Amino acid sequence: MRHAKIMTPMEAAQAARRAEPTEQLAARRRRARRRRLVAIGAALACGVVAGGCSTGQPGPIGRGDLAEAQTFPYFRVYWVGRIFEGHQLAAVDGLKGYIASIGDSVYYGDCIQSKGIFGGGSCQLPLQVTTVLYHVHSNKALGSQRNILVRGVPGVVYDQGHSIELYTGRVAIDIFADTFDHALTGARLLRPVNAPGSANGNLPAPVFCPGLYGATEPAIERVMQSLPGQACQRAESNEAFKKAVQSY
């Protein structure tokens, strides 16, 4: 599927993001995610109040909202379908809600049943899937983590097992969940919402060398060394050249 070329303002935003330190980018993504979850939680809470405080799941999103994601033009956006483990698709960002440095997200379930309308800490959805154009960085800033292989592509588990980031095509897919089981199940069910594809088989290999940090198993190393265009070999050569220049 061919996608529209990203507009000049978008290119400028992405160039600025590439220059941003990894720690600052990670912190900004966390803050943006919290703001979005608060907004979604508030919207769902309003719906419950209007419905007499029913504890049922929210209804499916409207066709227009889903079309926002289905017609997203810049890159493949991933989801797991209309329902995840009994939880309805609750919201999508689409083009209107798109922030280049944060990516585009789909959200499942609500926080009302387990948290109450107003209390209980931060909103923890069963699943959120965020797709963002990858920029070169090291995963060291993610803190405690372990590298994994899911659907044939490298990834990393972090945030005490509540989050998984996978690398495919030109993008990184961040999977945020309330449990590790939900995060891993979500990763295994990924498919594009705005392009042909299915949850069966491997995801497309990344065209870049992911900045994995820490130990990697032999199976992951084999995948990394066989990426299109010898991406990791070229990255290693560029890094070696940079160090050699700096040493003079």
C-alpha atoms as a PDB file:
ATOM      1  CA  MET A   1       0.000   0.000   0.000  1.00  0.00           C
ATOM      2  CA  ARG A   2       1.440   3.384  -0.971  1.00  0.00           C
ATOM      3  CA  HIS A   3       1.062   6.223   1.504  1.00  0.00           C
ATOM      4  CA  ALA A   4       0.976   9.956   0.968  1.00  0.00           C
ATOM      5  CA  LYS A   5       4.262  11.790   1.415  1.00  0.00           C
ATOM      6  CA  ILE A   6       4.556  13.445   4.805  1.00  0.00           C
ATOM      7  CA  MET A   7       4.072  17.169   4.582  1.00  0.00           C
ATOM      8  CA  THR A   8       6.961  19.551   5.151  1.00  0.00           C
ATOM      9  CA  PRO A   9       5.791  20.594   8.674  1.00  0.00           C
ATOM     10  CA  MET A  10       5.700  16.905   9.589  1.00  0.00           C
ATOM     11  CA  GLU A  11       9.224  16.415   8.314  1.00  0.00           C
ATOM     12  CA  ALA A  12      10.384  19.356  10.373  1.00  0.00           C
ATOM     13  CA  ALA A  13       8.754  17.940  13.486  1.00  0.00           C
ATOM     14  CA  GLN A  14      10.398  14.583  12.949  1.00  0.00           C
ATOM     15  CA  ALA A  15      13.801  16.188  12.404  1.00  0.00           C
ATOM     16  CA  ALA A  16      13.429  17.972  15.724  1.00  0.00           C
ATOM     17  CA  ARG A  17      12.438  14.705  17.381  1.00  0.00           C
ATOM     18  CA  ARG A  18      15.503  12.930  16.009  1.00  0.00           C
ATOM     19  CA  ALA A  19      17.696  15.562  17.639  1.00  0.00           C
ATOM     20  CA  GLU A  20      15.946  15.263  21.010  1.00  0.00           C
ATOM     21  CA  PRO A  21      17.852  13.364  23.759  1.00  0.00           C
ATOM     22  CA  THR A  22      16.436   9.880  24.362  1.00  0.00           C
ATOM     23  CA  GLU A  23      15.701  10.526  28.048  1.00  0.00           C
ATOM     24  CA  GLN A  24      13.705  13.679  27.252  1.00  0.00           C
ATOM     25  CA  LEU A  25      11.797  11.921  24.471  1.00  0.00           C
ATOM     26  CA  ALA A  26      10.908   8.983  26.732  1.00  0.00           C
ATOM     27  CA  ALA A  27       9.714  11.342  29.474  1.00  0.00           C
ATOM     28  CA  ARG A  28       7.649  13.398  27.024  1.00  0.00           C
ATOM     29  CA  ARG A  29       6.018  10.273  25.611  1.00  0.00           C
ATOM     30  CA  ARG A  30       5.093   9.156  29.138  1.00  0.00           C
ATOM     31  CA  ARG A  31       3.570  12.557  29.935  1.00  0.00           C
ATOM     32  CA  ALA A  32       1.587  12.605  26.683  1.00  0.00           C
ATOM     33  CA  ARG A  33       0.328   9.081  27.347  1.00  0.00           C
ATOM     34  CA  ARG A  34      -0.859  10.078  30.824  1.00  0.00           C
ATOM     35  CA  ARG A  35      -2.701  13.113  29.410  1.00  0.00           C
ATOM     36  CA  ARG A  36      -4.436  10.960  26.802  1.00  0.00           C
ATOM     37  CA  LEU A  37      -5.436   8.348  29.362  1.00  0.00           C
ATOM     38  CA  VAL A  38      -6.846  11.027  31.658  1.00  0.00           C
ATOM     39  CA  ALA A  39      -8.883  12.455  28.774  1.00  0.00           C
ATOM     40  CA  ILE A  40     -10.193   9.026  27.764  1.00  0.00           C
ATOM     41  CA  GLY A  41     -10.962   8.108  31.360  1.00  0.00           C
ATOM     42  CA  ALA A  42     -12.868  11.363  31.839  1.00  0.00           C
ATOM     43  CA  ALA A  43     -14.880  10.806  28.660  1.00  0.00           C
ATOM     44  CA  LEU A  44     -15.767   7.273  29.692  1.00  0.00           C
ATOM     45  CA  ALA A  45     -16.649   8.444  33.194  1.00  0.00           C
ATOM     46  CA  CYS A  46     -19.016  11.037  31.739  1.00  0.00           C
ATOM     47  CA  GLY A  47     -20.654   8.287  29.725  1.00  0.00           C
ATOM     48  CA  VAL A  48     -21.141   6.191  32.841  1.00  0.00           C
ATOM     49  CA  VAL A  49     -22.594   9.098  34.770  1.00  0.00           C
ATOM     50  CA  ALA A  50     -24.996   9.856  31.940  1.00  0.00           C
ATOM     51  CA  GLY A  51     -26.019   6.215  31.836  1.00  0.00           C
ATOM     52  CA  GLY A  52     -26.843   5.992  35.519  1.00  0.00           C
ATOM     53  CA  CYS A  53     -23.408   4.726  36.635  1.00  0.00           C
ATOM     54  CA  SER A  54     -23.710   1.438  34.786  1.00  0.00           C
ATOM     55  CA  THR A  55     -20.633  -0.779  35.140  1.00  0.00           C
ATOM     56  CA  GLY A  56     -20.947  -2.178  31.618  1.00  0.00           C
ATOM     57  CA  GLN A  57     -18.271  -1.790  28.972  1.00  0.00           C
ATOM     58  CA  PRO A  58     -18.444   1.307  26.762  1.00  0.00           C
ATOM     59  CA  GLY A  59     -20.078   0.892  23.385  1.00  0.00           C
ATOM     60  CA  PRO A  60     -18.054   0.580  20.183  1.00  0.00           C
ATOM     61  CA  ILE A  61     -16.657   3.787  18.724  1.00  0.00           C
ATOM     62  CA  GLY A  62     -18.407   5.408  15.793  1.00  0.00           C
ATOM     63  CA  ARG A  63     -17.556   4.746  12.169  1.00  0.00           C
ATOM     64  CA  GLY A  64     -16.213   8.243  11.728  1.00  0.00           C
ATOM     65  CA  ASP A  65     -13.762   7.838  14.599  1.00  0.00           C
ATOM     66  CA  LEU A  66     -12.535   4.479  13.311  1.00  0.00           C
ATOM     67  CA  ALA A  67     -12.203   5.916   9.799  1.00  0.00           C
ATOM     68  CA  GLU A  68      -9.701   8.397  11.246  1.00  0.00           C
ATOM     69  CA  ALA A  69      -7.344   5.503  11.893  1.00  0.00           C
ATOM     70  CA  GLN A  70      -8.264   3.530   8.775  1.00  0.00           C
ATOM     71  CA  THR A  71      -7.355   6.452   6.512  1.00  0.00           C
ATOM     72  CA  PHE A  72      -4.237   7.571   8.400  1.00  0.00           C
ATOM     73  CA  PRO A  73      -1.799   8.421   5.568  1.00  0.00           C
ATOM     74  CA  TYR A  74       1.735   8.612   6.964  1.00  0.00           C
ATOM     75  CA  PHE A  75       2.624   5.033   7.975  1.00  0.00           C
ATOM     76  CA  ARG A  76       1.036   1.758   9.056  1.00  0.00           C
ATOM     77  CA  VAL A  77      -0.891   2.093  12.314  1.00  0.00           C
ATOM     78  CA  TYR A  78      -1.344  -1.137  14.265  1.00  0.00           C
ATOM     79  CA  TRP A  79      -4.278  -2.418  16.316  1.00  0.00           C
ATOM     80  CA  VAL A  80      -5.659  -5.803  17.452  1.00  0.00           C
ATOM     81  CA  GLY A  81      -9.169  -5.508  15.994  1.00  0.00           C
ATOM     82  CA  ARG A  82     -12.404  -4.117  17.391  1.00  0.00           C
ATOM     83  CA  ILE A  83     -12.300  -6.219  20.587  1.00  0.00           C
ATOM     84  CA  PHE A  84      -9.405  -7.272  22.836  1.00  0.00           C
ATOM     85  CA  GLU A  85     -10.008  -9.945  25.474  1.00  0.00           C
ATOM     86  CA  GLY A  86     -13.651  -8.858  25.759  1.00  0.00           C
ATOM     87  CA  HIS A  87     -12.797  -5.149  25.853  1.00  0.00           C
ATOM     88  CA  GLN A  88     -14.202  -2.890  23.141  1.00  0.00           C
ATOM     89  CA  LEU A  89     -12.072  -0.528  21.110  1.00  0.00           C
ATOM     90  CA  ALA A  90     -12.712   2.659  23.102  1.00  0.00           C
ATOM     91  CA  ALA A  91     -10.897   5.396  21.176  1.00  0.00           C
ATOM     92  CA  VAL A  92      -8.437   6.119  18.364  1.00  0.00           C
ATOM     93  CA  ASP A  93      -6.218   9.110  17.688  1.00  0.00           C
ATOM     94  CA  GLY A  94      -6.330   9.137  13.895  1.00  0.00           C
ATOM     95  CA  LEU A  95      -5.080  12.083  11.893  1.00  0.00           C
ATOM     96  CA  LYS A  96      -6.761  14.755  14.039  1.00  0.00           C
ATOM     97  CA  GLY A  97      -5.071  13.537  17.207  1.00  0.00           C
ATOM     98  CA  TYR A  98      -1.701  12.831  15.618  1.00  0.00           C
ATOM     99  CA  ILE A  99       1.462  14.188  17.259  1.00  0.00           C
ATOM    100  CA  ALA A 100       4.576  13.272  15.274  1.00  0.00           C
ATOM    101  CA  SER A 101       6.828  12.822  18.304  1.00  0.00           C
ATOM    102  CA  ILE A 102       4.285  10.655  20.152  1.00  0.00           C
ATOM    103  CA  GLY A 103       2.719   8.606  17.355  1.00  0.00           C
ATOM    104  CA  ASP A 104      -0.826   7.399  16.748  1.00  0.00           C
ATOM    105  CA  SER A 105      -2.703   5.242  19.260  1.00  0.00           C
ATOM    106  CA  VAL A 106      -5.695   2.957  19.666  1.00  0.00           C
ATOM    107  CA  TYR A 107      -7.217   2.270  23.096  1.00  0.00           C
ATOM    108  CA  TYR A 108      -9.180  -0.670  24.498  1.00  0.00           C
ATOM    109  CA  GLY A 109     -11.468  -0.944  27.529  1.00  0.00           C
ATOM    110  CA  ASP A 110     -11.931   1.540  30.337  1.00  0.00           C
ATOM    111  CA  CYS A 111     -10.713   2.187  33.869  1.00  0.00           C
ATOM    112  CA  ILE A 112     -14.110   2.609  35.512  1.00  0.00           C
ATOM    113  CA  GLN A 113     -14.886  -0.920  36.643  1.00  0.00           C
ATOM    114  CA  SER A 114     -11.643  -1.442  38.553  1.00  0.00           C
ATOM    115  CA  LYS A 115     -10.839   2.124  39.634  1.00  0.00           C
ATOM    116  CA  GLY A 116     -14.176   3.812  40.235  1.00  0.00           C
ATOM    117  CA  ILE A 117     -15.183   6.976  38.443  1.00  0.00           C
ATOM    118  CA  PHE A 118     -12.903   9.337  40.333  1.00  0.00           C
ATOM    119  CA  GLY A 119     -10.405   7.422  42.404  1.00  0.00           C
ATOM    120  CA  GLY A 120      -7.747   4.765  42.569  1.00  0.00           C
ATOM    121  CA  GLY A 121      -4.649   6.291  40.953  1.00  0.00           C
ATOM    122  CA  SER A 122      -3.735   6.582  37.323  1.00  0.00           C
ATOM    123  CA  CYS A 123      -5.889   5.158  34.559  1.00  0.00           C
ATOM    124  CA  GLN A 124      -4.652   1.711  33.511  1.00  0.00           C
ATOM    125  CA  LEU A 125      -6.319   0.525  30.332  1.00  0.00           C
ATOM    126  CA  PRO A 126      -6.238  -3.190  29.450  1.00  0.00           C
ATOM    127  CA  LEU A 127      -4.433  -2.276  26.224  1.00  0.00           C
ATOM    128  CA  GLN A 128      -3.093   0.714  24.318  1.00  0.00           C
ATOM    129  CA  VAL A 129      -1.181   0.328  21.049  1.00  0.00           C
ATOM    130  CA  THR A 130       0.902   3.280  19.862  1.00  0.00           C
ATOM    131  CA  THR A 131       2.677   3.334  16.497  1.00  0.00           C
ATOM    132  CA  VAL A 132       5.426   5.916  15.930  1.00  0.00           C
ATOM    133  CA  LEU A 133       8.041   6.476  13.247  1.00  0.00           C
ATOM    134  CA  TYR A 134      11.304   5.094  14.610  1.00  0.00           C
ATOM    135  CA  HIS A 135      14.246   7.377  15.290  1.00  0.00           C
ATOM    136  CA  VAL A 136      17.721   6.116  16.138  1.00  0.00           C
ATOM    137  CA  HIS A 137      18.291   5.838  19.887  1.00  0.00           C
ATOM    138  CA  SER A 138      19.492   3.490  22.607  1.00  0.00           C
ATOM    139  CA  ASN A 139      16.944   1.716  24.811  1.00  0.00           C
ATOM    140  CA  LYS A 140      19.110   2.332  27.887  1.00  0.00           C
ATOM    141  CA  ALA A 141      16.743   5.118  28.984  1.00  0.00           C
ATOM    142  CA  LEU A 142      13.908   2.589  29.407  1.00  0.00           C
ATOM    143  CA  GLY A 143      15.483   1.308  32.614  1.00  0.00           C
ATOM    144  CA  SER A 144      15.091  -2.326  33.645  1.00  0.00           C
ATOM    145  CA  GLN A 145      14.325  -4.319  30.492  1.00  0.00           C
ATOM    146  CA  ARG A 146      14.807  -7.543  28.565  1.00  0.00           C
ATOM    147  CA  ASN A 147      15.010  -8.126  24.833  1.00  0.00           C
ATOM    148  CA  ILE A 148      12.595 -10.523  23.145  1.00  0.00           C
ATOM    149  CA  LEU A 149      11.549 -11.815  19.742  1.00  0.00           C
ATOM    150  CA  VAL A 150       7.832 -11.597  18.870  1.00  0.00           C
ATOM    151  CA  ARG A 151       6.269 -12.351  15.484  1.00  0.00           C
ATOM    152  CA  GLY A 152       9.776 -12.608  14.003  1.00  0.00           C
ATOM    153  CA  VAL A 153      10.886  -9.071  14.956  1.00  0.00           C
ATOM    154  CA  PRO A 154      13.021  -7.783  17.837  1.00  0.00           C
ATOM    155  CA  GLY A 155      11.476  -6.023  20.773  1.00  0.00           C
ATOM    156  CA  VAL A 156      11.954  -5.048  24.395  1.00  0.00           C
ATOM    157  CA  VAL A 157       9.897  -5.617  27.556  1.00  0.00           C
ATOM    158  CA  TYR A 158      10.064  -2.759  30.070  1.00  0.00           C
ATOM    159  CA  ASP A 159       8.020  -0.891  32.687  1.00  0.00           C
ATOM    160  CA  GLN A 160       7.922  -3.978  34.961  1.00  0.00           C
ATOM    161  CA  GLY A 161       6.441  -6.044  32.154  1.00  0.00           C
ATOM    162  CA  HIS A 162       3.537  -3.689  31.455  1.00  0.00           C
ATOM    163  CA  SER A 163       5.024  -2.411  28.186  1.00  0.00           C
ATOM    164  CA  ILE A 164       6.514  -3.969  25.065  1.00  0.00           C
ATOM    165  CA  GLU A 165       8.097  -2.120  22.165  1.00  0.00           C
ATOM    166  CA  LEU A 166       8.416  -3.942  18.825  1.00  0.00           C
ATOM    167  CA  TYR A 167      10.312  -2.819  15.718  1.00  0.00           C
ATOM    168  CA  THR A 168       8.848  -3.385  12.261  1.00  0.00           C
ATOM    169  CA  GLY A 169       9.074  -1.630   8.906  1.00  0.00           C
ATOM    170  CA  ARG A 170       9.777   2.055   9.555  1.00  0.00           C
ATOM    171  CA  VAL A 171       8.041   2.144  12.941  1.00  0.00           C
ATOM    172  CA  ALA A 172       8.195   1.213  16.591  1.00  0.00           C
ATOM    173  CA  ILE A 173       5.026  -0.216  18.135  1.00  0.00           C
ATOM    174  CA  ASP A 174       4.563   0.480  21.848  1.00  0.00           C
ATOM    175  CA  ILE A 175       2.124  -1.822  23.621  1.00  0.00           C
ATOM    176  CA  PHE A 176       0.982  -0.583  27.033  1.00  0.00           C
ATOM    177  CA  ALA A 177      -1.162  -2.869  29.196  1.00  0.00           C
ATOM    178  CA  ASP A 178      -2.340  -3.524  32.734  1.00  0.00           C
ATOM    179  CA  THR A 179      -0.537  -6.908  32.811  1.00  0.00           C
ATOM    180  CA  PHE A 180       2.341  -8.582  30.995  1.00  0.00           C
ATOM    181  CA  ASP A 181      -0.022 -11.252  29.669  1.00  0.00           C
ATOM    182  CA  HIS A 182      -2.199  -8.578  28.066  1.00  0.00           C
ATOM    183  CA  ALA A 183       0.852  -6.845  26.600  1.00  0.00           C
ATOM    184  CA  LEU A 184       2.212 -10.072  25.097  1.00  0.00           C
ATOM    185  CA  THR A 185      -1.205 -11.164  23.819  1.00  0.00           C
ATOM    186  CA  GLY A 186      -1.643  -7.755  22.206  1.00  0.00           C
ATOM    187  CA  ALA A 187       1.760  -8.059  20.537  1.00  0.00           C
ATOM    188  CA  ARG A 188       0.815 -11.420  19.073  1.00  0.00           C
ATOM    189  CA  LEU A 189      -2.471 -10.056  17.665  1.00  0.00           C
ATOM    190  CA  LEU A 190      -1.084  -6.936  15.958  1.00  0.00           C
ATOM    191  CA  ARG A 191      -2.166  -6.072  12.422  1.00  0.00           C
ATOM    192  CA  PRO A 192      -2.450  -2.830  10.438  1.00  0.00           C
ATOM    193  CA  VAL A 193      -5.677  -0.860  10.684  1.00  0.00           C
ATOM    194  CA  ASN A 194      -4.936   1.279   7.601  1.00  0.00           C
ATOM    195  CA  ALA A 195      -3.326  -1.290   5.284  1.00  0.00           C
ATOM    196  CA  PRO A 196      -3.777  -4.946   4.295  1.00  0.00           C
ATOM    197  CA  GLY A 197      -2.422  -7.436   6.809  1.00  0.00           C
ATOM    198  CA  SER A 198      -3.335 -10.054   9.382  1.00  0.00           C
ATOM    199  CA  ALA A 199      -2.348 -11.273  12.836  1.00  0.00           C
ATOM    200  CA  ASN A 200      -0.923 -14.464  11.320  1.00  0.00           C
ATOM    201  CA  GLY A 201       2.744 -14.917  10.551  1.00  0.00           C
ATOM    202  CA  ASN A 202       5.672 -12.601  11.111  1.00  0.00           C
ATOM    203  CA  LEU A 203       5.615  -8.826  11.066  1.00  0.00           C
ATOM    204  CA  PRO A 204       7.722  -7.069   8.398  1.00  0.00           C
ATOM    205  CA  ALA A 205      11.367  -6.818   9.402  1.00  0.00           C
ATOM    206  CA  PRO A 206      12.536  -3.362  10.496  1.00  0.00           C
ATOM    207  CA  VAL A 207      14.504  -1.422   7.881  1.00  0.00           C
ATOM    208  CA  PHE A 208      16.635   0.116  10.661  1.00  0.00           C
ATOM    209  CA  CYS A 209      18.812  -1.326  13.413  1.00  0.00           C
ATOM    210  CA  PRO A 210      16.882  -1.140  16.722  1.00  0.00           C
ATOM    211  CA  GLY A 211      18.882   0.298  19.599  1.00  0.00           C
ATOM    212  CA  LEU A 212      18.565  -2.741  21.843  1.00  0.00           C
ATOM    213  CA  TYR A 213      20.321  -2.487  25.204  1.00  0.00           C
ATOM    214  CA  GLY A 214      21.669  -5.349  27.293  1.00  0.00           C
ATOM    215  CA  ALA A 215      21.894  -9.067  26.600  1.00  0.00           C
ATOM    216  CA  THR A 216      20.363 -10.534  23.449  1.00  0.00           C
ATOM    217  CA  GLU A 217      19.715 -14.210  22.797  1.00  0.00           C
ATOM    218  CA  PRO A 218      21.224 -15.903  19.717  1.00  0.00           C
ATOM    219  CA  ALA A 219      17.833 -15.956  17.935  1.00  0.00           C
ATOM    220  CA  ILE A 220      17.561 -12.178  18.304  1.00  0.00           C
ATOM    221  CA  GLU A 221      21.152 -11.701  17.122  1.00  0.00           C
ATOM    222  CA  ARG A 222      20.433 -13.728  14.004  1.00  0.00           C
ATOM    223  CA  VAL A 223      17.442 -11.535  13.185  1.00  0.00           C
ATOM    224  CA  MET A 224      19.423  -8.356  13.824  1.00  0.00           C
ATOM    225  CA  GLN A 225      22.222  -9.488  11.521  1.00  0.00           C
ATOM    226  CA  SER A 226      19.815 -10.391   8.698  1.00  0.00           C
ATOM    227  CA  LEU A 227      17.784  -7.160   8.548  1.00  0.00           C
ATOM    228  CA  PRO A 228      17.180  -5.577   5.118  1.00  0.00           C
ATOM    229  CA  GLY A 229      20.117  -3.664   3.696  1.00  0.00           C
ATOM    230  CA  GLN A 230      22.414  -4.959   6.453  1.00  0.00           C
ATOM    231  CA  ALA A 231      21.009  -2.233   8.688  1.00  0.00           C
ATOM    232  CA  CYS A 232      22.858  -3.284  11.844  1.00  0.00           C
ATOM    233  CA  GLN A 233      26.169  -3.847  10.061  1.00  0.00           C
ATOM    234  CA  ARG A 234      25.934  -0.361   8.559  1.00  0.00           C
ATOM    235  CA  ALA A 235      25.015   1.110  11.947  1.00  0.00           C
ATOM    236  CA  GLU A 236      28.021  -0.574  13.552  1.00  0.00           C
ATOM    237  CA  SER A 237      30.315   0.725  10.795  1.00  0.00           C
ATOM    238  CA  ASN A 238      28.974   4.260  11.173  1.00  0.00           C
ATOM    239  CA  GLU A 239      29.463   4.124  14.942  1.00  0.00           C
ATOM    240  CA  ALA A 240      33.016   2.817  14.546  1.00  0.00           C
ATOM    241  CA  PHE A 241      33.809   5.587  12.060  1.00  0.00           C
ATOM    242  CA  LYS A 242      32.369   8.222  14.387  1.00  0.00           C
ATOM    243  CA  LYS A 243      34.518   6.988  17.284  1.00  0.00           C
ATOM    244  CA  ALA A 244      37.594   6.900  15.073  1.00  0.00           C
ATOM    245  CA  VAL A 245      37.032  10.514  13.980  1.00  0.00           C
ATOM    246  CA  GLN A 246      36.447  11.651  17.567  1.00  0.00           C
ATOM    247  CA  SER A 247      39.645   9.988  18.732  1.00  0.00           C
ATOM    248  CA  TYR A 248      41.808  12.296  16.573  1.00  0.00           C
END
